[in-house]
Amino acid sequence: MTPEEFSGLIAGITGRIAGLPLDGQLEARLNAEFPADGPDFNRIFDACKTAVAAGWMCNREAGGIKFGRVIKPTDAIHGFSVDVVEMSDCKGPHHRHPNGEIDMIMPLDASAKFDGHGKGWLVYPAGHAHHPTVSEGRALVLYLLPQGAIEFTK
């Protein structure tokens, strides 16, 4: 799995959702069209595990959280950026998403949850702020951010 191949996988998702409002309807659509037990979801999950093992994904670490921006916002993935984190039973730094956030939750431990949600998709609307939290184990979380917008707070 190369970064270019990974970008192609992501474009298959972002091409279907580009321009849609980040809301509960989008969350339901993602969970229906790309279900957590489906082939597209699992291809991306497997690609993330392979990329982490290869060292080009989640290649930074702070406070026990491995992270990294994998793809900057680009037309190839419809203006989204892609960040991936690996967290285990911890709370991340508080931040705000001016344009919203789409999360692909990939538990590495079956019981792991991100912000109280198990394997699947979670969508936060524009302006949402939180401490991203993984509980009950270890998980990878892929973040799609419109225009890469994120504001860390103190």
N, C-alpha and C. Protein backbone atom coordinates (compact mmCIF):
# COMPACT_ATOMS: atom_id res chain seq x y z
N MET A 1 0.86 -1.18 0.00
CA MET A 1 0.00 0.00 0.00
C MET A 1 0.89 1.23 0.00
N THR A 2 0.71 2.05 -0.99
CA THR A 2 1.45 3.31 -1.10
C THR A 2 0.52 4.48 -0.76
N PRO A 3 1.08 5.64 -0.46
CA PRO A 3 0.22 6.81 -0.24
C PRO A 3 -0.69 7.10 -1.44
N GLU A 4 -0.19 6.89 -2.65
CA GLU A 4 -1.00 7.14 -3.85
C GLU A 4 -2.16 6.15 -3.93
N GLU A 5 -1.91 4.89 -3.65
CA GLU A 5 -2.97 3.88 -3.66
C GLU A 5 -4.00 4.19 -2.57
N PHE A 6 -3.52 4.62 -1.43
CA PHE A 6 -4.41 4.98 -0.34
C PHE A 6 -5.31 6.15 -0.73
N SER A 7 -4.73 7.14 -1.39
CA SER A 7 -5.51 8.28 -1.86
C SER A 7 -6.63 7.82 -2.80
N GLY A 8 -6.36 6.84 -3.63
CA GLY A 8 -7.37 6.31 -4.52
C GLY A 8 -8.52 5.66 -3.78
N LEU A 9 -8.19 4.94 -2.70
CA LEU A 9 -9.25 4.33 -1.88
C LEU A 9 -10.14 5.41 -1.26
N ILE A 10 -9.51 6.45 -0.75
CA ILE A 10 -10.26 7.53 -0.10
C ILE A 10 -11.12 8.28 -1.12
N ALA A 11 -10.59 8.48 -2.33
CA ALA A 11 -11.35 9.18 -3.37
C ALA A 11 -12.65 8.44 -3.70
N GLY A 12 -12.65 7.13 -3.54
CA GLY A 12 -13.87 6.36 -3.77
C GLY A 12 -14.97 6.71 -2.78
N ILE A 13 -14.58 7.15 -1.59
CA ILE A 13 -15.55 7.58 -0.58
C ILE A 13 -15.90 9.06 -0.79
N THR A 14 -14.87 9.89 -0.85
CA THR A 14 -15.12 11.34 -0.92
C THR A 14 -15.86 11.74 -2.19
N GLY A 15 -15.67 10.99 -3.26
CA GLY A 15 -16.38 11.29 -4.49
C GLY A 15 -17.89 11.13 -4.36
N ARG A 16 -18.30 10.27 -3.45
CA ARG A 16 -19.72 10.02 -3.23
C ARG A 16 -20.36 11.02 -2.27
N ILE A 17 -19.53 11.74 -1.49
CA ILE A 17 -20.10 12.61 -0.44
C ILE A 17 -19.72 14.08 -0.60
N ALA A 18 -18.88 14.38 -1.58
CA ALA A 18 -18.43 15.77 -1.77
C ALA A 18 -19.62 16.71 -1.90
N GLY A 19 -19.58 17.80 -1.16
CA GLY A 19 -20.61 18.82 -1.23
C GLY A 19 -21.83 18.58 -0.36
N LEU A 20 -21.92 17.43 0.26
CA LEU A 20 -23.07 17.15 1.13
C LEU A 20 -22.86 17.79 2.50
N PRO A 21 -23.95 18.20 3.17
CA PRO A 21 -23.80 18.74 4.52
C PRO A 21 -23.31 17.66 5.48
N LEU A 22 -22.47 18.06 6.42
CA LEU A 22 -22.00 17.15 7.45
C LEU A 22 -23.05 17.13 8.56
N ASP A 23 -23.84 16.07 8.57
CA ASP A 23 -24.95 15.96 9.52
C ASP A 23 -25.32 14.49 9.72
N GLY A 24 -26.37 14.26 10.46
CA GLY A 24 -26.83 12.91 10.75
C GLY A 24 -27.21 12.13 9.50
N GLN A 25 -27.75 12.81 8.49
CA GLN A 25 -28.11 12.13 7.24
C GLN A 25 -26.85 11.59 6.54
N LEU A 26 -25.77 12.37 6.56
CA LEU A 26 -24.53 11.90 5.95
C LEU A 26 -23.99 10.71 6.73
N GLU A 27 -24.04 10.78 8.06
CA GLU A 27 -23.59 9.65 8.88
C GLU A 27 -24.38 8.38 8.52
N ALA A 28 -25.68 8.49 8.42
CA ALA A 28 -26.52 7.34 8.06
C ALA A 28 -26.16 6.83 6.66
N ARG A 29 -25.93 7.74 5.74
CA ARG A 29 -25.59 7.35 4.37
C ARG A 29 -24.26 6.60 4.33
N LEU A 30 -23.25 7.13 5.02
CA LEU A 30 -21.95 6.46 5.05
C LEU A 30 -22.06 5.06 5.66
N ASN A 31 -22.80 4.95 6.75
CA ASN A 31 -22.96 3.64 7.40
C ASN A 31 -23.76 2.67 6.54
N ALA A 32 -24.64 3.18 5.68
CA ALA A 32 -25.41 2.31 4.78
C ALA A 32 -24.61 1.93 3.53
N GLU A 33 -23.93 2.92 2.93
CA GLU A 33 -23.22 2.67 1.67
C GLU A 33 -21.84 2.05 1.86
N PHE A 34 -21.22 2.31 3.00
CA PHE A 34 -19.89 1.79 3.30
C PHE A 34 -19.90 1.17 4.70
N PRO A 35 -20.71 0.12 4.91
CA PRO A 35 -20.88 -0.42 6.25
C PRO A 35 -19.58 -0.96 6.84
N ALA A 36 -19.55 -0.98 8.17
CA ALA A 36 -18.35 -1.40 8.90
C ALA A 36 -17.94 -2.84 8.59
N ASP A 37 -18.87 -3.66 8.13
CA ASP A 37 -18.52 -5.05 7.78
C ASP A 37 -18.41 -5.23 6.27
N GLY A 38 -18.42 -4.13 5.52
CA GLY A 38 -18.39 -4.20 4.07
C GLY A 38 -17.00 -4.16 3.48
N PRO A 39 -16.88 -4.50 2.20
CA PRO A 39 -15.57 -4.59 1.56
C PRO A 39 -14.83 -3.25 1.45
N ASP A 40 -15.53 -2.15 1.17
CA ASP A 40 -14.84 -0.86 1.06
C ASP A 40 -14.25 -0.43 2.40
N PHE A 41 -15.04 -0.54 3.46
CA PHE A 41 -14.58 -0.18 4.80
C PHE A 41 -13.37 -1.04 5.17
N ASN A 42 -13.48 -2.33 4.94
CA ASN A 42 -12.40 -3.23 5.33
C ASN A 42 -11.14 -3.04 4.50
N ARG A 43 -11.29 -2.66 3.22
CA ARG A 43 -10.10 -2.36 2.41
C ARG A 43 -9.34 -1.17 2.99
N ILE A 44 -10.08 -0.14 3.39
CA ILE A 44 -9.43 1.04 3.97
C ILE A 44 -8.82 0.69 5.33
N PHE A 45 -9.54 -0.08 6.13
CA PHE A 45 -9.03 -0.50 7.44
C PHE A 45 -7.73 -1.29 7.26
N ASP A 46 -7.73 -2.26 6.36
CA ASP A 46 -6.52 -3.05 6.10
C ASP A 46 -5.39 -2.17 5.59
N ALA A 47 -5.72 -1.21 4.71
CA ALA A 47 -4.70 -0.30 4.18
C ALA A 47 -4.08 0.53 5.31
N CYS A 48 -4.91 0.98 6.25
CA CYS A 48 -4.39 1.76 7.38
C CYS A 48 -3.45 0.91 8.23
N LYS A 49 -3.85 -0.32 8.54
CA LYS A 49 -2.98 -1.19 9.34
C LYS A 49 -1.66 -1.44 8.63
N THR A 50 -1.71 -1.65 7.32
CA THR A 50 -0.49 -1.88 6.54
C THR A 50 0.39 -0.64 6.53
N ALA A 51 -0.22 0.53 6.35
CA ALA A 51 0.54 1.79 6.30
C ALA A 51 1.17 2.13 7.65
N VAL A 52 0.45 1.85 8.73
CA VAL A 52 1.03 2.08 10.07
C VAL A 52 2.24 1.17 10.25
N ALA A 53 2.10 -0.09 9.88
CA ALA A 53 3.21 -1.04 10.00
C ALA A 53 4.39 -0.63 9.12
N ALA A 54 4.10 -0.04 7.95
CA ALA A 54 5.17 0.40 7.05
C ALA A 54 5.83 1.70 7.51
N GLY A 55 5.19 2.41 8.44
CA GLY A 55 5.80 3.60 9.02
C GLY A 55 5.44 4.92 8.38
N TRP A 56 4.58 4.95 7.37
CA TRP A 56 4.25 6.24 6.76
C TRP A 56 2.91 6.79 7.23
N MET A 57 2.21 6.05 8.06
CA MET A 57 0.97 6.53 8.64
C MET A 57 1.12 6.48 10.15
N CYS A 58 0.57 7.48 10.84
CA CYS A 58 0.68 7.59 12.32
C CYS A 58 2.14 7.59 12.73
N ASN A 59 2.96 8.37 12.01
CA ASN A 59 4.40 8.35 12.25
C ASN A 59 4.89 9.43 13.21
N ARG A 60 3.96 10.09 13.89
CA ARG A 60 4.31 11.04 14.95
C ARG A 60 3.65 10.56 16.23
N GLU A 61 4.17 11.01 17.36
CA GLU A 61 3.57 10.60 18.63
C GLU A 61 3.70 11.70 19.65
N ALA A 62 2.62 11.90 20.40
CA ALA A 62 2.61 12.86 21.51
C ALA A 62 1.56 12.38 22.51
N GLY A 63 1.92 12.35 23.76
CA GLY A 63 0.97 11.98 24.80
C GLY A 63 0.37 10.60 24.63
N GLY A 64 1.13 9.67 24.04
CA GLY A 64 0.63 8.32 23.84
C GLY A 64 -0.28 8.16 22.63
N ILE A 65 -0.45 9.22 21.84
CA ILE A 65 -1.28 9.19 20.64
C ILE A 65 -0.36 9.24 19.43
N LYS A 66 -0.52 8.25 18.55
CA LYS A 66 0.20 8.27 17.28
C LYS A 66 -0.72 8.93 16.26
N PHE A 67 -0.15 9.79 15.41
CA PHE A 67 -0.99 10.56 14.52
C PHE A 67 -0.22 11.02 13.29
N GLY A 68 -0.94 11.60 12.36
CA GLY A 68 -0.31 12.23 11.20
C GLY A 68 -1.33 12.59 10.14
N ARG A 69 -1.04 13.66 9.45
CA ARG A 69 -1.85 14.04 8.27
C ARG A 69 -1.32 13.21 7.12
N VAL A 70 -2.18 12.39 6.57
CA VAL A 70 -1.79 11.47 5.51
C VAL A 70 -1.91 12.13 4.14
N ILE A 71 -2.99 12.92 3.98
CA ILE A 71 -3.22 13.59 2.70
C ILE A 71 -3.71 15.01 3.00
N LYS A 72 -3.05 15.98 2.40
CA LYS A 72 -3.50 17.37 2.52
C LYS A 72 -4.74 17.55 1.65
N PRO A 73 -5.55 18.58 1.93
CA PRO A 73 -6.74 18.79 1.10
C PRO A 73 -6.34 18.96 -0.37
N THR A 74 -7.00 18.22 -1.21
CA THR A 74 -6.67 18.25 -2.62
C THR A 74 -7.90 17.94 -3.45
N ASP A 75 -7.88 18.37 -4.70
CA ASP A 75 -8.99 18.07 -5.60
C ASP A 75 -9.14 16.57 -5.82
N ALA A 76 -8.03 15.82 -5.75
CA ALA A 76 -8.09 14.38 -5.98
C ALA A 76 -9.01 13.67 -4.98
N ILE A 77 -9.12 14.26 -3.78
CA ILE A 77 -10.04 13.68 -2.79
C ILE A 77 -11.10 14.72 -2.39
N HIS A 78 -11.44 15.56 -3.37
CA HIS A 78 -12.61 16.44 -3.29
C HIS A 78 -12.55 17.47 -2.16
N GLY A 79 -11.33 17.98 -1.89
CA GLY A 79 -11.17 19.06 -0.93
C GLY A 79 -11.06 18.64 0.52
N PHE A 80 -11.06 17.34 0.77
CA PHE A 80 -10.88 16.85 2.14
C PHE A 80 -9.40 16.64 2.42
N SER A 81 -9.04 16.69 3.69
CA SER A 81 -7.75 16.18 4.13
C SER A 81 -8.03 14.87 4.84
N VAL A 82 -6.96 14.09 5.02
CA VAL A 82 -7.08 12.82 5.74
C VAL A 82 -6.03 12.80 6.84
N ASP A 83 -6.49 12.63 8.07
CA ASP A 83 -5.62 12.41 9.21
C ASP A 83 -5.98 11.06 9.79
N VAL A 84 -4.99 10.36 10.33
CA VAL A 84 -5.25 9.08 10.99
C VAL A 84 -4.53 9.11 12.33
N VAL A 85 -5.24 8.66 13.37
CA VAL A 85 -4.66 8.55 14.71
C VAL A 85 -4.80 7.12 15.21
N GLU A 86 -3.89 6.75 16.07
CA GLU A 86 -4.00 5.49 16.82
C GLU A 86 -4.01 5.87 18.29
N MET A 87 -5.09 5.49 18.97
CA MET A 87 -5.27 5.85 20.37
C MET A 87 -5.67 4.61 21.16
N SER A 88 -5.29 4.59 22.42
CA SER A 88 -5.65 3.50 23.30
C SER A 88 -6.06 4.06 24.66
N ASP A 89 -7.34 3.93 24.98
CA ASP A 89 -7.85 4.36 26.28
C ASP A 89 -7.30 5.72 26.70
N CYS A 90 -7.52 6.72 25.88
CA CYS A 90 -7.02 8.05 26.22
C CYS A 90 -7.89 9.13 25.59
N LYS A 91 -7.65 10.34 26.07
CA LYS A 91 -8.36 11.52 25.58
C LYS A 91 -7.35 12.42 24.89
N GLY A 92 -7.69 12.86 23.69
CA GLY A 92 -6.81 13.71 22.92
C GLY A 92 -7.02 15.19 23.22
N PRO A 93 -6.22 16.03 22.58
CA PRO A 93 -6.31 17.47 22.82
C PRO A 93 -7.62 18.06 22.29
N HIS A 94 -8.16 19.02 23.05
CA HIS A 94 -9.40 19.67 22.65
C HIS A 94 -9.19 20.45 21.35
N HIS A 95 -10.15 20.30 20.46
CA HIS A 95 -10.10 21.05 19.21
C HIS A 95 -11.50 21.24 18.65
N ARG A 96 -11.56 22.12 17.66
CA ARG A 96 -12.82 22.49 17.02
C ARG A 96 -12.71 22.24 15.52
N HIS A 97 -13.83 21.88 14.92
CA HIS A 97 -13.88 21.64 13.48
C HIS A 97 -14.78 22.68 12.82
N PRO A 98 -14.19 23.75 12.27
CA PRO A 98 -15.00 24.82 11.68
C PRO A 98 -15.93 24.32 10.57
N ASN A 99 -15.48 23.31 9.81
CA ASN A 99 -16.26 22.79 8.68
C ASN A 99 -16.85 21.42 8.95
N GLY A 100 -16.69 20.92 10.16
CA GLY A 100 -17.17 19.58 10.50
C GLY A 100 -16.07 18.53 10.38
N GLU A 101 -16.46 17.29 10.69
CA GLU A 101 -15.50 16.19 10.72
C GLU A 101 -16.25 14.90 10.42
N ILE A 102 -15.64 14.05 9.60
CA ILE A 102 -16.16 12.72 9.33
C ILE A 102 -15.14 11.73 9.88
N ASP A 103 -15.59 10.85 10.77
CA ASP A 103 -14.70 9.89 11.42
C ASP A 103 -15.01 8.48 10.96
N MET A 104 -13.97 7.76 10.58
CA MET A 104 -14.06 6.34 10.29
C MET A 104 -13.40 5.63 11.46
N ILE A 105 -14.20 4.94 12.26
CA ILE A 105 -13.73 4.32 13.50
C ILE A 105 -13.38 2.87 13.23
N MET A 106 -12.11 2.53 13.49
CA MET A 106 -11.59 1.20 13.19
C MET A 106 -10.98 0.60 14.45
N PRO A 107 -11.77 -0.12 15.25
CA PRO A 107 -11.23 -0.70 16.48
C PRO A 107 -10.16 -1.75 16.20
N LEU A 108 -9.03 -1.62 16.86
CA LEU A 108 -8.00 -2.67 16.82
C LEU A 108 -8.29 -3.70 17.90
N ASP A 109 -8.95 -3.28 18.96
CA ASP A 109 -9.51 -4.17 19.97
C ASP A 109 -11.03 -4.12 19.74
N ALA A 110 -11.65 -5.26 19.65
CA ALA A 110 -13.07 -5.33 19.24
C ALA A 110 -13.99 -4.40 20.03
N SER A 111 -13.69 -4.20 21.30
CA SER A 111 -14.59 -3.40 22.15
C SER A 111 -14.28 -1.91 22.13
N ALA A 112 -13.21 -1.49 21.46
CA ALA A 112 -12.79 -0.08 21.47
C ALA A 112 -13.87 0.82 20.87
N LYS A 113 -14.00 1.99 21.49
CA LYS A 113 -14.97 2.98 21.04
C LYS A 113 -14.28 4.34 20.90
N PHE A 114 -14.76 5.11 19.94
CA PHE A 114 -14.31 6.48 19.76
C PHE A 114 -15.48 7.39 20.08
N ASP A 115 -15.29 8.26 21.05
CA ASP A 115 -16.37 9.16 21.49
C ASP A 115 -17.67 8.38 21.73
N GLY A 116 -17.52 7.18 22.28
CA GLY A 116 -18.67 6.35 22.63
C GLY A 116 -19.24 5.52 21.49
N HIS A 117 -18.63 5.57 20.30
CA HIS A 117 -19.13 4.86 19.12
C HIS A 117 -18.16 3.76 18.71
N GLY A 118 -18.72 2.61 18.33
CA GLY A 118 -17.92 1.49 17.86
C GLY A 118 -17.60 1.61 16.38
N LYS A 119 -17.18 0.51 15.79
CA LYS A 119 -16.75 0.44 14.40
C LYS A 119 -17.82 1.02 13.47
N GLY A 120 -17.39 1.92 12.59
CA GLY A 120 -18.30 2.54 11.64
C GLY A 120 -17.98 4.00 11.45
N TRP A 121 -18.98 4.75 11.00
CA TRP A 121 -18.82 6.16 10.66
C TRP A 121 -19.51 7.04 11.69
N LEU A 122 -18.90 8.19 11.96
CA LEU A 122 -19.45 9.19 12.85
C LEU A 122 -19.22 10.55 12.18
N VAL A 123 -20.26 11.38 12.14
CA VAL A 123 -20.14 12.70 11.49
C VAL A 123 -20.48 13.77 12.51
N TYR A 124 -19.58 14.75 12.61
CA TYR A 124 -19.82 15.92 13.44
C TYR A 124 -20.05 17.13 12.54
N PRO A 125 -21.02 17.98 12.88
CA PRO A 125 -21.32 19.15 12.05
C PRO A 125 -20.27 20.26 12.22
N ALA A 126 -20.36 21.22 11.34
CA ALA A 126 -19.48 22.39 11.41
C ALA A 126 -19.59 23.04 12.79
N GLY A 127 -18.44 23.43 13.34
CA GLY A 127 -18.40 24.10 14.63
C GLY A 127 -18.29 23.18 15.82
N HIS A 128 -18.39 21.88 15.61
CA HIS A 128 -18.30 20.95 16.73
C HIS A 128 -16.91 21.00 17.37
N ALA A 129 -16.87 20.91 18.69
CA ALA A 129 -15.60 20.90 19.42
C ALA A 129 -15.63 19.74 20.41
N HIS A 130 -14.47 19.11 20.62
CA HIS A 130 -14.43 17.97 21.55
C HIS A 130 -13.00 17.62 21.92
N HIS A 131 -12.90 16.76 22.93
CA HIS A 131 -11.68 16.03 23.26
C HIS A 131 -11.88 14.65 22.63
N PRO A 132 -11.23 14.32 21.52
CA PRO A 132 -11.42 12.99 20.95
C PRO A 132 -10.98 11.93 21.96
N THR A 133 -11.84 10.95 22.18
CA THR A 133 -11.58 9.98 23.24
C THR A 133 -11.78 8.55 22.74
N VAL A 134 -10.79 7.72 22.98
CA VAL A 134 -10.93 6.29 22.72
C VAL A 134 -10.98 5.59 24.06
N SER A 135 -11.99 4.74 24.20
CA SER A 135 -12.18 3.98 25.44
C SER A 135 -12.32 2.49 25.11
N GLU A 136 -12.13 1.68 26.11
CA GLU A 136 -12.32 0.23 26.02
C GLU A 136 -11.37 -0.45 25.03
N GLY A 137 -10.18 0.11 24.86
CA GLY A 137 -9.19 -0.54 24.00
C GLY A 137 -8.50 0.42 23.06
N ARG A 138 -7.97 -0.16 22.00
CA ARG A 138 -7.14 0.58 21.03
C ARG A 138 -7.88 0.66 19.70
N ALA A 139 -7.77 1.82 19.04
CA ALA A 139 -8.45 2.01 17.76
C ALA A 139 -7.65 2.93 16.85
N LEU A 140 -7.85 2.74 15.57
CA LEU A 140 -7.44 3.71 14.57
C LEU A 140 -8.67 4.53 14.23
N VAL A 141 -8.48 5.82 14.04
CA VAL A 141 -9.57 6.69 13.62
C VAL A 141 -9.06 7.52 12.46
N LEU A 142 -9.77 7.44 11.34
CA LEU A 142 -9.46 8.24 10.16
C LEU A 142 -10.40 9.43 10.16
N TYR A 143 -9.83 10.64 10.01
CA TYR A 143 -10.61 11.87 10.00
C TYR A 143 -10.60 12.46 8.60
N LEU A 144 -11.77 12.69 8.04
CA LEU A 144 -11.90 13.47 6.81
C LEU A 144 -12.32 14.87 7.23
N LEU A 145 -11.50 15.85 6.89
CA LEU A 145 -11.77 17.24 7.27
C LEU A 145 -11.94 18.09 6.02
N PRO A 146 -13.13 18.67 5.82
CA PRO A 146 -13.30 19.57 4.67
C PRO A 146 -12.29 20.72 4.72
N GLN A 147 -11.54 20.88 3.65
CA GLN A 147 -10.47 21.89 3.52
C GLN A 147 -9.41 21.74 4.61
N GLY A 148 -9.36 20.59 5.28
CA GLY A 148 -8.34 20.35 6.29
C GLY A 148 -8.48 21.20 7.54
N ALA A 149 -9.65 21.80 7.73
CA ALA A 149 -9.83 22.77 8.81
C ALA A 149 -9.94 22.11 10.18
N ILE A 150 -9.07 22.54 11.07
CA ILE A 150 -9.08 22.12 12.47
C ILE A 150 -8.43 23.24 13.30
N GLU A 151 -9.00 23.51 14.46
CA GLU A 151 -8.47 24.55 15.35
C GLU A 151 -8.25 23.95 16.72
N PHE A 152 -7.00 23.82 17.12
CA PHE A 152 -6.69 23.31 18.46
C PHE A 152 -6.87 24.43 19.46
N THR A 153 -7.45 24.11 20.60
CA THR A 153 -7.70 25.10 21.65
C THR A 153 -6.74 24.84 22.80
N LYS A 154 -6.63 25.83 23.69
CA LYS A 154 -5.72 25.67 24.83
C LYS A 154 -6.50 25.40 26.07
